[in-house]
C-alpha atoms as a PDB file:
ATOM      1  CA  MET A   1      97.312 158.728 114.289  1.00  0.00           C
ATOM      2  CA  LYS A   2      94.514 158.135 117.090  1.00  0.00           C
ATOM      3  CA  PHE A   3      95.181 160.301 119.915  1.00  0.00           C
ATOM      4  CA  LYS A   4      93.257 160.294 123.221  1.00  0.00           C
ATOM      5  CA  ILE A   5      92.420 163.553 124.779  1.00  0.00           C
ATOM      6  CA  PRO A   6      92.876 163.532 128.595  1.00  0.00           C
ATOM      7  CA  LYS A   7      89.420 163.499 130.463  1.00  0.00           C
ATOM      8  CA  TYR A   8      90.962 165.851 133.327  1.00  0.00           C
ATOM      9  CA  LEU A   9      91.196 168.710 130.871  1.00  0.00           C
ATOM     10  CA  ARG A  10      88.255 171.079 130.729  1.00  0.00           C
ATOM     11  CA  PRO A  11      85.664 170.414 128.019  1.00  0.00           C
ATOM     12  CA  GLU A  12      86.562 173.669 126.102  1.00  0.00           C
ATOM     13  CA  THR A  13      90.198 172.815 126.189  1.00  0.00           C
ATOM     14  CA  GLN A  14      89.431 169.288 124.993  1.00  0.00           C
ATOM     15  CA  ALA A  15      87.545 170.804 122.049  1.00  0.00           C
ATOM     16  CA  TRP A  16      90.423 172.910 121.298  1.00  0.00           C
ATOM     17  CA  ILE A  17      92.725 169.963 121.256  1.00  0.00           C
ATOM     18  CA  ARG A  18      90.393 168.110 119.062  1.00  0.00           C
ATOM     19  CA  ASP A  19      90.130 170.840 116.778  1.00  0.00           C
ATOM     20  CA  VAL A  20      93.663 171.495 116.433  1.00  0.00           C
ATOM     21  CA  SER A  21      94.696 168.104 115.872  1.00  0.00           C
ATOM     22  CA  LYS A  22      92.209 167.674 113.134  1.00  0.00           C
ATOM     23  CA  ARG A  23      93.698 170.584 111.321  1.00  0.00           C
ATOM     24  CA  ASN A  24      97.087 169.559 111.602  1.00  0.00           C
ATOM     25  CA  ASN A  25      99.225 166.347 110.460  1.00  0.00           C
ATOM     26  CA  PHE A  26     101.050 165.846 113.962  1.00  0.00           C
ATOM     27  CA  GLU A  27     103.448 163.140 114.711  1.00  0.00           C
ATOM     28  CA  SER A  28     103.245 160.920 117.722  1.00  0.00           C
ATOM     29  CA  HIS A  29     105.531 163.408 119.947  1.00  0.00           C
ATOM     30  CA  ASP A  30     103.373 166.293 118.738  1.00  0.00           C
ATOM     31  CA  PHE A  31     100.416 164.968 120.652  1.00  0.00           C
ATOM     32  CA  LYS A  32     102.490 165.093 123.974  1.00  0.00           C
ATOM     33  CA  LEU A  33     103.164 168.715 123.169  1.00  0.00           C
ATOM     34  CA  LEU A  34      99.417 169.492 122.380  1.00  0.00           C
ATOM     35  CA  GLU A  35      98.335 167.753 125.427  1.00  0.00           C
ATOM     36  CA  MET A  36     100.798 169.749 127.622  1.00  0.00           C
ATOM     37  CA  SER A  37      99.538 173.103 125.875  1.00  0.00           C
ATOM     38  CA  GLY A  38      96.056 171.843 127.007  1.00  0.00           C
ATOM     39  CA  GLU A  39      97.385 171.506 130.534  1.00  0.00           C
ATOM     40  CA  THR A  40      99.161 174.759 130.482  1.00  0.00           C
ATOM     41  CA  TRP A  41      96.117 176.680 129.203  1.00  0.00           C
ATOM     42  CA  ASP A  42      93.774 175.111 132.006  1.00  0.00           C
ATOM     43  CA  THR A  43      96.260 176.056 134.795  1.00  0.00           C
ATOM     44  CA  TRP A  44      96.409 179.777 133.256  1.00  0.00           C
ATOM     45  CA  GLN A  45      92.449 179.690 133.328  1.00  0.00           C
ATOM     46  CA  LYS A  46      92.658 178.383 136.946  1.00  0.00           C
ATOM     47  CA  ALA A  47      95.312 181.133 138.020  1.00  0.00           C
ATOM     48  CA  ARG A  48      92.806 183.856 136.497  1.00  0.00           C
ATOM     49  CA  GLU A  49      90.031 182.384 138.409  1.00  0.00           C
ATOM     50  CA  GLU A  50      91.957 182.313 141.469  1.00  0.00           C
ATOM     51  CA  LEU A  51      92.729 186.058 141.026  1.00  0.00           C
ATOM     52  CA  GLU A  52      89.286 186.953 140.371  1.00  0.00           C
ATOM     53  CA  ALA A  53      87.853 185.151 143.234  1.00  0.00           C
ATOM     54  CA  ASN A  54      90.269 186.587 145.677  1.00  0.00           C
ATOM     55  CA  GLY A  55      90.136 190.218 144.978  1.00  0.00           C
ATOM     56  CA  GLY A  56      92.813 190.742 142.302  1.00  0.00           C
ATOM     57  CA  LEU A  57      96.568 191.145 141.862  1.00  0.00           C
ATOM     58  CA  THR A  58      97.540 191.819 145.435  1.00  0.00           C
ATOM     59  CA  PHE A  59      96.945 190.883 148.845  1.00  0.00           C
ATOM     60  CA  LYS A  60      97.852 192.349 152.318  1.00  0.00           C
ATOM     61  CA  ASP A  61     100.168 190.161 154.637  1.00  0.00           C
ATOM     62  CA  ARG A  62     100.039 189.653 158.035  1.00  0.00           C
ATOM     63  CA  PHE A  63     101.886 192.768 158.618  1.00  0.00           C
ATOM     64  CA  GLY A  64      99.563 194.675 156.551  1.00  0.00           C
ATOM     65  CA  GLN A  65     102.123 195.245 153.484  1.00  0.00           C
ATOM     66  CA  ILE A  66     100.805 194.781 150.325  1.00  0.00           C
ATOM     67  CA  ARG A  67     102.120 191.744 148.279  1.00  0.00           C
ATOM     68  CA  PRO A  68     101.626 190.237 144.678  1.00  0.00           C
ATOM     69  CA  HIS A  69      99.259 187.402 144.623  1.00  0.00           C
ATOM     70  CA  PRO A  70     101.165 184.042 144.240  1.00  0.00           C
ATOM     71  CA  ALA A  71      98.732 183.104 141.356  1.00  0.00           C
ATOM     72  CA  LEU A  72     100.483 186.083 139.438  1.00  0.00           C
ATOM     73  CA  GLY A  73     103.667 183.823 138.886  1.00  0.00           C
ATOM     74  CA  VAL A  74     101.524 180.941 137.843  1.00  0.00           C
ATOM     75  CA  LEU A  75      99.486 182.963 135.454  1.00  0.00           C
ATOM     76  CA  ARG A  76     102.837 184.641 133.782  1.00  0.00           C
ATOM     77  CA  ASP A  77     104.624 181.187 133.778  1.00  0.00           C
ATOM     78  CA  SER A  78     101.641 179.510 132.018  1.00  0.00           C
ATOM     79  CA  LYS A  79     101.282 182.108 129.282  1.00  0.00           C
ATOM     80  CA  ILE A  80     105.070 181.797 128.577  1.00  0.00           C
ATOM     81  CA  VAL A  81     104.962 178.020 128.548  1.00  0.00           C
ATOM     82  CA  PHE A  82     101.766 178.014 126.208  1.00  0.00           C
ATOM     83  CA  ALA A  83     103.345 180.341 123.854  1.00  0.00           C
ATOM     84  CA  ARG A  84     106.571 178.287 123.519  1.00  0.00           C
ATOM     85  CA  LEU A  85     104.429 175.192 123.161  1.00  0.00           C
ATOM     86  CA  LEU A  86     102.281 176.690 120.362  1.00  0.00           C
ATOM     87  CA  ARG A  87     105.732 177.812 118.613  1.00  0.00           C
ATOM     88  CA  GLU A  88     107.089 174.287 119.083  1.00  0.00           C
ATOM     89  CA  LEU A  89     103.862 172.709 117.405  1.00  0.00           C
ATOM     90  CA  GLY A  90     104.192 175.500 114.588  1.00  0.00           C
ATOM     91  CA  LEU A  91     100.898 176.880 115.262  1.00  0.00           C
ATOM     92  CA  ASP A  92     101.756 180.540 115.643  1.00  0.00           C
ATOM     93  CA  TYR A  93     103.152 181.217 112.227  1.00  0.00           C
ATOM     94  CA  GLU A  94     100.955 182.771 109.510  1.00  0.00           C
ATOM     95  CA  GLU A  95     102.337 183.761 106.196  1.00  0.00           C
ATOM     96  CA  PRO A  96     102.149 187.586 105.635  1.00  0.00           C
ATOM     97  CA  GLU A  97      99.574 188.494 103.096  1.00  0.00           C
ATOM     98  CA  ASP A  98     102.031 190.783 101.076  1.00  0.00           C
ATOM     99  CA  PRO A  99     105.336 190.344 102.220  1.00  0.00           C
ATOM    100  CA  ARG A 100     107.471 193.487 101.848  1.00  0.00           C
ATOM    101  CA  PRO A 101     110.767 192.896  99.481  1.00  0.00           C
ATOM    102  CA  PRO A 102     114.072 193.038 101.465  1.00  0.00           C
ATOM    103  CA  ARG A 103     115.494 196.502 101.999  1.00  0.00           C
ATOM    104  CA  LEU A 104     118.099 197.656  99.673  1.00  0.00           C
ATOM    105  CA  TYR A 105     121.482 198.723 101.207  1.00  0.00           C
END
């Protein structure tokens, strides 16, 4: 099935989607999940860039109190969603090389 990679995604994300779609036999609904994975990855990267550009994990509010940077929540949420999308697509599973036999009771 032909899948059009969205142009708004970063070039490296587009390349990742292209590679993953070539290696897997996806159905049409899987491509939507793959697109969402790319969007989530880009959001994760933008949050990281925001943290780096603005001095790290915390900032001082108008009262001088140290607060967590709002991009931390975006970063955390993006990581969780990305991992779940990979699992949903079946991209996170690898067969163990030498599976252990079940434990005897």
